Amino acid sequence: MPAPTLHTPRLTLRPHVLSDMDGFEAFYASTRAAFMDAPKNRTHLWYGFSSEVGSWDLMGFGAWAIDVDGQMAGQIAITHPPHFPERELGWIIFDGFEGCGYAFEAATVALHWAWEQEMPTLVSYIDHRNARSIALAQRLSAKLDPRAATYDDVDVVYRHSPDTDGGPEAYA
């Protein structure tokens, strides 16, 4: 199953294409990736990139490119690799696109898609020093979940639930 294409008035969540990998290579080479586990080389970048694309066929969810006027602005993803205790909503915003609300908008669309798929909850694993990502999780109405397991000791876990993130239960 390929990633579905989702639209808002300002952006499109689309399936990745091979050329998107160049944007990730630039991102991981920059200071913007300071709070992330960067791939060691282009081969490892390929492994991560292709696993998020291939997750759609294997698991029914995965990563989308965030497209703004034909430019890749970053990625929003619902992932659950073997080392993650739970299914995660994660985001990356490329240089030049931060501060425009694209991450919030893309995450909101992805969350609504997840709730339509009847996913009961998602988490975001965030390095405790990453104030910008923590602020985004809070803006998305995610709640700090200190009891949730994490795969990395530096991470805090924010929990997204349909009843707090604008899903159907919020209007019942």
N, C-alpha and C. Protein backbone atom coordinates (compact mmCIF):
# COMPACT_ATOMS: atom_id res chain seq x y z
N MET A 1 0.85 -1.18 0.00
CA MET A 1 0.00 0.00 0.00
C MET A 1 0.90 1.24 0.00
N PRO A 2 0.83 2.05 -1.02
CA PRO A 2 1.61 3.29 -0.98
C PRO A 2 0.99 4.29 -0.01
N ALA A 3 1.78 5.24 0.41
CA ALA A 3 1.27 6.29 1.31
C ALA A 3 0.16 7.04 0.60
N PRO A 4 -0.93 7.31 1.31
CA PRO A 4 -1.97 8.14 0.70
C PRO A 4 -1.49 9.59 0.60
N THR A 5 -1.99 10.30 -0.36
CA THR A 5 -1.68 11.72 -0.50
C THR A 5 -2.77 12.50 0.23
N LEU A 6 -2.35 13.38 1.14
CA LEU A 6 -3.27 14.17 1.94
C LEU A 6 -2.97 15.65 1.70
N HIS A 7 -4.03 16.47 1.69
CA HIS A 7 -3.87 17.88 1.37
C HIS A 7 -4.44 18.78 2.46
N THR A 8 -3.81 19.94 2.60
CA THR A 8 -4.37 21.06 3.34
C THR A 8 -4.30 22.24 2.37
N PRO A 9 -4.86 23.37 2.73
CA PRO A 9 -4.74 24.51 1.80
C PRO A 9 -3.29 24.94 1.53
N ARG A 10 -2.36 24.65 2.46
CA ARG A 10 -0.99 25.13 2.29
C ARG A 10 0.04 24.07 1.95
N LEU A 11 -0.27 22.81 2.17
CA LEU A 11 0.74 21.78 1.96
C LEU A 11 0.11 20.47 1.54
N THR A 12 0.98 19.57 1.07
CA THR A 12 0.57 18.22 0.68
C THR A 12 1.46 17.22 1.40
N LEU A 13 0.86 16.20 1.98
CA LEU A 13 1.61 15.05 2.47
C LEU A 13 1.57 14.03 1.34
N ARG A 14 2.74 13.67 0.84
CA ARG A 14 2.81 12.80 -0.33
C ARG A 14 3.77 11.65 -0.07
N PRO A 15 3.64 10.58 -0.87
CA PRO A 15 4.63 9.51 -0.76
C PRO A 15 6.02 10.04 -1.12
N HIS A 16 7.02 9.47 -0.50
CA HIS A 16 8.39 9.86 -0.82
C HIS A 16 8.77 9.39 -2.22
N VAL A 17 9.69 10.13 -2.82
CA VAL A 17 10.34 9.74 -4.06
C VAL A 17 11.84 9.68 -3.78
N LEU A 18 12.57 8.99 -4.64
CA LEU A 18 13.99 8.75 -4.40
C LEU A 18 14.78 10.04 -4.20
N SER A 19 14.45 11.07 -4.94
CA SER A 19 15.20 12.33 -4.83
C SER A 19 15.01 13.01 -3.47
N ASP A 20 14.00 12.62 -2.69
CA ASP A 20 13.82 13.17 -1.35
C ASP A 20 15.00 12.84 -0.44
N MET A 21 15.71 11.79 -0.75
CA MET A 21 16.82 11.38 0.09
C MET A 21 17.89 12.48 0.18
N ASP A 22 18.03 13.27 -0.86
CA ASP A 22 19.02 14.36 -0.84
C ASP A 22 18.71 15.37 0.25
N GLY A 23 17.43 15.68 0.45
CA GLY A 23 17.03 16.60 1.51
C GLY A 23 17.39 16.07 2.89
N PHE A 24 17.22 14.77 3.08
CA PHE A 24 17.58 14.16 4.36
C PHE A 24 19.09 14.19 4.58
N GLU A 25 19.84 13.96 3.53
CA GLU A 25 21.30 14.00 3.67
C GLU A 25 21.75 15.39 4.12
N ALA A 26 21.18 16.42 3.53
CA ALA A 26 21.52 17.79 3.94
C ALA A 26 21.06 18.06 5.37
N PHE A 27 19.87 17.60 5.72
CA PHE A 27 19.36 17.80 7.07
C PHE A 27 20.28 17.16 8.10
N TYR A 28 20.63 15.90 7.90
CA TYR A 28 21.45 15.19 8.89
C TYR A 28 22.88 15.73 8.97
N ALA A 29 23.34 16.41 7.93
CA ALA A 29 24.67 17.03 7.96
C ALA A 29 24.65 18.38 8.66
N SER A 30 23.47 18.88 9.01
CA SER A 30 23.35 20.21 9.62
C SER A 30 23.16 20.12 11.13
N THR A 31 23.25 21.26 11.77
CA THR A 31 23.03 21.33 13.22
C THR A 31 21.56 21.12 13.57
N ARG A 32 20.67 21.19 12.59
CA ARG A 32 19.24 20.97 12.84
C ARG A 32 18.98 19.55 13.34
N ALA A 33 19.88 18.64 13.08
CA ALA A 33 19.71 17.24 13.48
C ALA A 33 20.40 16.93 14.81
N ALA A 34 20.74 17.96 15.58
CA ALA A 34 21.51 17.78 16.81
C ALA A 34 20.85 16.83 17.80
N PHE A 35 19.53 16.75 17.83
CA PHE A 35 18.84 15.92 18.81
C PHE A 35 18.40 14.57 18.25
N MET A 36 18.93 14.21 17.08
CA MET A 36 18.51 12.98 16.43
C MET A 36 19.69 12.04 16.24
N ASP A 37 19.38 10.77 16.10
CA ASP A 37 20.41 9.79 15.76
C ASP A 37 20.65 9.88 14.26
N ALA A 38 21.73 10.53 13.87
CA ALA A 38 22.02 10.71 12.45
C ALA A 38 22.63 9.44 11.86
N PRO A 39 22.28 9.13 10.62
CA PRO A 39 22.92 7.99 9.97
C PRO A 39 24.42 8.22 9.83
N LYS A 40 25.19 7.14 9.89
CA LYS A 40 26.65 7.24 9.82
C LYS A 40 27.16 7.57 8.43
N ASN A 41 26.40 7.19 7.41
CA ASN A 41 26.82 7.41 6.03
C ASN A 41 25.59 7.30 5.12
N ARG A 42 25.79 7.46 3.83
CA ARG A 42 24.67 7.43 2.88
C ARG A 42 24.00 6.05 2.84
N THR A 43 24.76 5.00 3.05
CA THR A 43 24.17 3.66 3.09
C THR A 43 23.19 3.55 4.25
N HIS A 44 23.57 4.02 5.42
CA HIS A 44 22.67 3.98 6.58
C HIS A 44 21.49 4.92 6.39
N LEU A 45 21.72 6.04 5.72
CA LEU A 45 20.60 6.93 5.38
C LEU A 45 19.61 6.19 4.50
N TRP A 46 20.10 5.44 3.54
CA TRP A 46 19.24 4.65 2.65
C TRP A 46 18.42 3.64 3.45
N TYR A 47 19.04 2.97 4.42
CA TYR A 47 18.33 1.99 5.24
C TYR A 47 17.15 2.65 5.97
N GLY A 48 17.40 3.78 6.60
CA GLY A 48 16.34 4.47 7.33
C GLY A 48 15.25 5.00 6.40
N PHE A 49 15.67 5.64 5.33
CA PHE A 49 14.73 6.21 4.36
C PHE A 49 13.85 5.11 3.75
N SER A 50 14.48 4.04 3.29
CA SER A 50 13.70 2.98 2.64
C SER A 50 12.82 2.23 3.62
N SER A 51 13.22 2.15 4.90
CA SER A 51 12.35 1.47 5.86
C SER A 51 11.08 2.29 6.12
N GLU A 52 11.20 3.62 6.13
CA GLU A 52 10.01 4.44 6.35
C GLU A 52 9.09 4.42 5.14
N VAL A 53 9.66 4.33 3.94
CA VAL A 53 8.85 4.19 2.73
C VAL A 53 8.21 2.80 2.69
N GLY A 54 9.01 1.77 2.97
CA GLY A 54 8.52 0.39 2.92
C GLY A 54 7.54 0.04 4.02
N SER A 55 7.52 0.81 5.09
CA SER A 55 6.57 0.55 6.18
C SER A 55 5.13 0.57 5.70
N TRP A 56 4.86 1.38 4.68
CA TRP A 56 3.48 1.42 4.17
C TRP A 56 3.02 0.05 3.71
N ASP A 57 3.88 -0.68 2.98
CA ASP A 57 3.50 -2.01 2.52
C ASP A 57 3.50 -3.03 3.65
N LEU A 58 4.42 -2.90 4.57
CA LEU A 58 4.56 -3.90 5.64
C LEU A 58 3.59 -3.68 6.79
N MET A 59 3.28 -2.41 7.11
CA MET A 59 2.52 -2.13 8.32
C MET A 59 1.25 -1.30 8.10
N GLY A 60 1.11 -0.71 6.92
CA GLY A 60 -0.08 0.11 6.66
C GLY A 60 0.07 1.55 7.12
N PHE A 61 1.27 1.95 7.52
CA PHE A 61 1.57 3.33 7.89
C PHE A 61 3.06 3.53 7.69
N GLY A 62 3.48 4.80 7.67
CA GLY A 62 4.88 5.10 7.45
C GLY A 62 5.09 6.60 7.35
N ALA A 63 5.98 7.01 6.46
CA ALA A 63 6.38 8.41 6.36
C ALA A 63 5.78 9.07 5.12
N TRP A 64 5.53 10.36 5.28
CA TRP A 64 5.14 11.22 4.17
C TRP A 64 6.16 12.33 4.02
N ALA A 65 6.38 12.77 2.80
CA ALA A 65 7.11 14.01 2.56
C ALA A 65 6.13 15.15 2.76
N ILE A 66 6.59 16.23 3.39
CA ILE A 66 5.79 17.45 3.51
C ILE A 66 6.18 18.32 2.33
N ASP A 67 5.24 18.54 1.43
CA ASP A 67 5.50 19.28 0.20
C ASP A 67 4.81 20.64 0.28
N VAL A 68 5.58 21.69 0.08
CA VAL A 68 5.05 23.06 0.09
C VAL A 68 5.42 23.68 -1.25
N ASP A 69 4.43 23.92 -2.07
CA ASP A 69 4.65 24.54 -3.38
C ASP A 69 5.73 23.83 -4.19
N GLY A 70 5.69 22.49 -4.18
CA GLY A 70 6.63 21.71 -4.96
C GLY A 70 8.00 21.51 -4.33
N GLN A 71 8.20 22.02 -3.12
CA GLN A 71 9.46 21.84 -2.41
C GLN A 71 9.24 20.94 -1.20
N MET A 72 10.17 20.04 -0.96
CA MET A 72 10.08 19.20 0.23
C MET A 72 10.51 20.00 1.44
N ALA A 73 9.58 20.17 2.38
CA ALA A 73 9.81 20.97 3.58
C ALA A 73 10.22 20.12 4.77
N GLY A 74 10.08 18.80 4.65
CA GLY A 74 10.42 17.92 5.76
C GLY A 74 9.65 16.62 5.65
N GLN A 75 9.45 16.00 6.79
CA GLN A 75 8.76 14.71 6.85
C GLN A 75 7.88 14.64 8.09
N ILE A 76 6.76 13.99 7.94
CA ILE A 76 5.91 13.59 9.06
C ILE A 76 5.76 12.08 8.94
N ALA A 77 5.84 11.37 10.04
CA ALA A 77 5.82 9.92 9.94
C ALA A 77 5.12 9.29 11.13
N ILE A 78 4.44 8.21 10.85
CA ILE A 78 3.94 7.31 11.87
C ILE A 78 4.75 6.03 11.70
N THR A 79 5.58 5.74 12.70
CA THR A 79 6.50 4.62 12.58
C THR A 79 6.44 3.74 13.82
N HIS A 80 6.90 2.52 13.65
CA HIS A 80 7.01 1.59 14.78
C HIS A 80 8.11 0.58 14.48
N PRO A 81 9.37 1.07 14.42
CA PRO A 81 10.46 0.11 14.22
C PRO A 81 10.59 -0.80 15.43
N PRO A 82 11.27 -1.92 15.28
CA PRO A 82 11.33 -2.91 16.37
C PRO A 82 11.85 -2.38 17.70
N HIS A 83 12.70 -1.37 17.69
CA HIS A 83 13.26 -0.88 18.96
C HIS A 83 12.39 0.18 19.63
N PHE A 84 11.28 0.59 19.01
CA PHE A 84 10.35 1.54 19.63
C PHE A 84 9.30 0.77 20.42
N PRO A 85 9.08 1.11 21.69
CA PRO A 85 8.05 0.42 22.47
C PRO A 85 6.64 0.62 21.91
N GLU A 86 6.39 1.79 21.29
CA GLU A 86 5.05 2.08 20.78
C GLU A 86 5.15 2.74 19.41
N ARG A 87 4.01 2.86 18.78
CA ARG A 87 3.90 3.56 17.50
C ARG A 87 4.13 5.05 17.73
N GLU A 88 4.97 5.66 16.91
CA GLU A 88 5.35 7.06 17.11
C GLU A 88 4.89 7.97 15.98
N LEU A 89 4.53 9.19 16.35
CA LEU A 89 4.38 10.29 15.41
C LEU A 89 5.65 11.12 15.52
N GLY A 90 6.39 11.23 14.42
CA GLY A 90 7.62 11.99 14.42
C GLY A 90 7.64 13.00 13.29
N TRP A 91 8.49 14.01 13.41
CA TRP A 91 8.56 15.07 12.40
C TRP A 91 9.97 15.58 12.23
N ILE A 92 10.23 16.05 11.03
CA ILE A 92 11.48 16.72 10.67
C ILE A 92 11.08 17.89 9.79
N ILE A 93 11.60 19.07 10.08
CA ILE A 93 11.37 20.24 9.23
C ILE A 93 12.73 20.72 8.73
N PHE A 94 12.83 20.90 7.44
CA PHE A 94 14.09 21.31 6.83
C PHE A 94 14.32 22.80 7.01
N ASP A 95 15.59 23.17 6.88
CA ASP A 95 16.01 24.56 6.98
C ASP A 95 15.22 25.42 5.98
N GLY A 96 14.78 26.57 6.46
CA GLY A 96 14.01 27.48 5.62
C GLY A 96 12.51 27.31 5.74
N PHE A 97 12.05 26.25 6.40
CA PHE A 97 10.62 26.00 6.54
C PHE A 97 10.15 26.04 7.99
N GLU A 98 11.08 26.20 8.93
CA GLU A 98 10.72 26.24 10.34
C GLU A 98 10.05 27.58 10.68
N GLY A 99 9.13 27.55 11.64
CA GLY A 99 8.49 28.78 12.09
C GLY A 99 7.31 29.21 11.24
N CYS A 100 6.90 28.38 10.31
CA CYS A 100 5.77 28.71 9.42
C CYS A 100 4.50 27.94 9.75
N GLY A 101 4.57 27.07 10.74
CA GLY A 101 3.41 26.26 11.12
C GLY A 101 3.25 24.99 10.30
N TYR A 102 4.21 24.67 9.44
CA TYR A 102 4.07 23.49 8.59
C TYR A 102 4.10 22.19 9.40
N ALA A 103 4.96 22.11 10.41
CA ALA A 103 5.03 20.90 11.22
C ALA A 103 3.72 20.66 11.95
N PHE A 104 3.16 21.71 12.52
CA PHE A 104 1.88 21.58 13.21
C PHE A 104 0.78 21.15 12.25
N GLU A 105 0.74 21.77 11.10
CA GLU A 105 -0.30 21.46 10.11
C GLU A 105 -0.16 20.02 9.61
N ALA A 106 1.07 19.62 9.28
CA ALA A 106 1.30 18.25 8.81
C ALA A 106 0.99 17.23 9.89
N ALA A 107 1.40 17.51 11.13
CA ALA A 107 1.14 16.58 12.23
C ALA A 107 -0.36 16.46 12.49
N THR A 108 -1.08 17.56 12.39
CA THR A 108 -2.53 17.52 12.60
C THR A 108 -3.20 16.64 11.56
N VAL A 109 -2.80 16.78 10.30
CA VAL A 109 -3.37 15.95 9.23
C VAL A 109 -3.02 14.48 9.47
N ALA A 110 -1.77 14.20 9.85
CA ALA A 110 -1.36 12.82 10.11
C ALA A 110 -2.12 12.23 11.29
N LEU A 111 -2.32 13.02 12.34
CA LEU A 111 -3.09 12.54 13.49
C LEU A 111 -4.53 12.23 13.10
N HIS A 112 -5.16 13.10 12.34
CA HIS A 112 -6.54 12.82 11.91
C HIS A 112 -6.60 11.56 11.06
N TRP A 113 -5.60 11.37 10.20
CA TRP A 113 -5.54 10.14 9.41
C TRP A 113 -5.42 8.93 10.34
N ALA A 114 -4.54 9.02 11.36
CA ALA A 114 -4.36 7.92 12.30
C ALA A 114 -5.65 7.59 13.04
N TRP A 115 -6.37 8.63 13.47
CA TRP A 115 -7.62 8.37 14.19
C TRP A 115 -8.66 7.75 13.26
N GLU A 116 -8.67 8.14 11.99
CA GLU A 116 -9.58 7.50 11.01
C GLU A 116 -9.24 6.03 10.82
N GLN A 117 -7.97 5.67 11.02
CA GLN A 117 -7.53 4.27 10.91
C GLN A 117 -7.76 3.52 12.22
N GLU A 118 -8.35 4.20 13.20
CA GLU A 118 -8.65 3.64 14.51
C GLU A 118 -7.41 3.26 15.31
N MET A 119 -6.34 4.03 15.13
CA MET A 119 -5.18 3.86 16.00
C MET A 119 -5.55 4.46 17.35
N PRO A 120 -5.42 3.72 18.42
CA PRO A 120 -5.90 4.21 19.72
C PRO A 120 -5.04 5.32 20.33
N THR A 121 -3.75 5.33 20.03
CA THR A 121 -2.85 6.31 20.60
C THR A 121 -1.56 6.31 19.80
N LEU A 122 -0.85 7.40 19.87
CA LEU A 122 0.50 7.52 19.32
C LEU A 122 1.35 8.24 20.36
N VAL A 123 2.65 8.05 20.28
CA VAL A 123 3.56 8.80 21.14
C VAL A 123 4.55 9.55 20.27
N SER A 124 5.19 10.55 20.85
CA SER A 124 6.33 11.21 20.24
C SER A 124 7.49 11.10 21.22
N TYR A 125 8.57 10.46 20.77
CA TYR A 125 9.79 10.35 21.57
C TYR A 125 10.64 11.57 21.25
N ILE A 126 10.93 12.41 22.25
CA ILE A 126 11.61 13.68 22.02
C ILE A 126 12.76 13.82 23.00
N ASP A 127 13.93 14.15 22.48
CA ASP A 127 15.08 14.43 23.34
C ASP A 127 14.67 15.54 24.31
N HIS A 128 14.93 15.35 25.59
CA HIS A 128 14.46 16.30 26.61
C HIS A 128 15.04 17.71 26.43
N ARG A 129 16.10 17.85 25.64
CA ARG A 129 16.69 19.17 25.38
C ARG A 129 16.08 19.86 24.16
N ASN A 130 15.22 19.17 23.43
CA ASN A 130 14.67 19.71 22.19
C ASN A 130 13.39 20.51 22.48
N ALA A 131 13.58 21.73 22.92
CA ALA A 131 12.46 22.58 23.34
C ALA A 131 11.47 22.85 22.21
N ARG A 132 11.94 22.97 20.99
CA ARG A 132 11.03 23.26 19.87
C ARG A 132 10.08 22.08 19.61
N SER A 133 10.60 20.86 19.65
CA SER A 133 9.74 19.70 19.43
C SER A 133 8.81 19.47 20.60
N ILE A 134 9.27 19.72 21.81
CA ILE A 134 8.39 19.61 22.97
C ILE A 134 7.25 20.62 22.85
N ALA A 135 7.56 21.84 22.45
CA ALA A 135 6.52 22.87 22.27
C ALA A 135 5.52 22.45 21.21
N LEU A 136 5.99 21.82 20.13
CA LEU A 136 5.07 21.36 19.09
C LEU A 136 4.17 20.25 19.63
N ALA A 137 4.73 19.30 20.36
CA ALA A 137 3.91 18.22 20.94
C ALA A 137 2.83 18.81 21.84
N GLN A 138 3.19 19.79 22.65
CA GLN A 138 2.21 20.43 23.54
C GLN A 138 1.16 21.19 22.74
N ARG A 139 1.59 21.87 21.68
CA ARG A 139 0.63 22.59 20.82
C ARG A 139 -0.36 21.62 20.17
N LEU A 140 0.11 20.40 19.92
CA LEU A 140 -0.76 19.36 19.35
C LEU A 140 -1.65 18.71 20.40
N SER A 141 -1.59 19.20 21.63
CA SER A 141 -2.37 18.69 22.76
C SER A 141 -1.89 17.35 23.29
N ALA A 142 -0.69 16.95 22.92
CA ALA A 142 -0.11 15.73 23.49
C ALA A 142 0.24 15.98 24.95
N LYS A 143 0.17 14.94 25.73
CA LYS A 143 0.44 15.04 27.17
C LYS A 143 1.70 14.28 27.53
N LEU A 144 2.54 14.88 28.36
CA LEU A 144 3.73 14.21 28.85
C LEU A 144 3.30 12.93 29.56
N ASP A 145 3.93 11.82 29.22
CA ASP A 145 3.59 10.53 29.81
C ASP A 145 4.85 9.94 30.46
N PRO A 146 5.12 10.32 31.71
CA PRO A 146 6.35 9.86 32.36
C PRO A 146 6.40 8.36 32.60
N ARG A 147 5.28 7.67 32.53
CA ARG A 147 5.25 6.21 32.74
C ARG A 147 5.52 5.43 31.46
N ALA A 148 5.48 6.10 30.32
CA ALA A 148 5.66 5.40 29.04
C ALA A 148 7.12 4.96 28.88
N ALA A 149 7.29 3.79 28.31
CA ALA A 149 8.63 3.29 28.02
C ALA A 149 9.22 4.05 26.84
N THR A 150 10.52 4.17 26.85
CA THR A 150 11.23 4.79 25.74
C THR A 150 12.43 3.94 25.39
N TYR A 151 12.95 4.13 24.21
CA TYR A 151 14.12 3.36 23.78
C TYR A 151 15.42 4.12 24.03
N ASP A 152 15.33 5.37 24.44
CA ASP A 152 16.51 6.22 24.62
C ASP A 152 16.37 6.99 25.92
N ASP A 153 17.34 6.89 26.79
CA ASP A 153 17.26 7.51 28.12
C ASP A 153 17.15 9.03 28.09
N VAL A 154 17.53 9.69 27.00
CA VAL A 154 17.43 11.15 26.95
C VAL A 154 16.06 11.63 26.50
N ASP A 155 15.19 10.70 26.11
CA ASP A 155 13.88 11.09 25.58
C ASP A 155 12.82 11.23 26.65
N VAL A 156 11.92 12.17 26.41
CA VAL A 156 10.65 12.23 27.11
C VAL A 156 9.60 11.73 26.12
N VAL A 157 8.46 11.30 26.65
CA VAL A 157 7.41 10.74 25.80
C VAL A 157 6.17 11.60 25.93
N TYR A 158 5.67 12.06 24.81
CA TYR A 158 4.40 12.79 24.75
C TYR A 158 3.39 11.90 24.06
N ARG A 159 2.21 11.76 24.69
CA ARG A 159 1.16 10.88 24.18
C ARG A 159 0.07 11.68 23.48
N HIS A 160 -0.24 11.22 22.26
CA HIS A 160 -1.33 11.79 21.46
C HIS A 160 -2.52 10.84 21.55
N SER A 161 -3.68 11.39 21.80
CA SER A 161 -4.90 10.59 21.89
C SER A 161 -6.00 11.28 21.09
N PRO A 162 -6.89 10.51 20.48
CA PRO A 162 -7.92 11.13 19.66
C PRO A 162 -8.82 12.12 20.42
N ASP A 163 -9.07 11.86 21.67
CA ASP A 163 -9.97 12.73 22.41
C ASP A 163 -9.32 14.06 22.80
N THR A 164 -7.98 14.16 22.72
CA THR A 164 -7.31 15.42 23.02
C THR A 164 -6.76 16.10 21.77
N ASP A 165 -6.62 15.34 20.70
CA ASP A 165 -6.02 15.88 19.48
C ASP A 165 -7.07 16.16 18.39
N GLY A 166 -8.32 16.34 18.77
CA GLY A 166 -9.33 16.71 17.77
C GLY A 166 -9.93 15.55 17.03
N GLY A 167 -9.79 14.34 17.56
CA GLY A 167 -10.39 13.17 16.91
C GLY A 167 -11.89 13.12 17.18
N PRO A 168 -12.54 12.11 16.65
CA PRO A 168 -13.99 12.01 16.77
C PRO A 168 -14.52 12.07 18.20
N GLU A 169 -13.76 11.47 19.15
CA GLU A 169 -14.24 11.45 20.53
C GLU A 169 -14.30 12.85 21.12
N ALA A 170 -13.51 13.77 20.61
CA ALA A 170 -13.49 15.14 21.15
C ALA A 170 -14.81 15.85 20.93
N TYR A 171 -15.59 15.36 19.98
CA TYR A 171 -16.85 16.04 19.65
C TYR A 171 -18.08 15.24 20.06
N ALA A 172 -17.85 14.12 20.77
CA ALA A 172 -18.98 13.26 21.17
C ALA A 172 -19.77 13.90 22.32
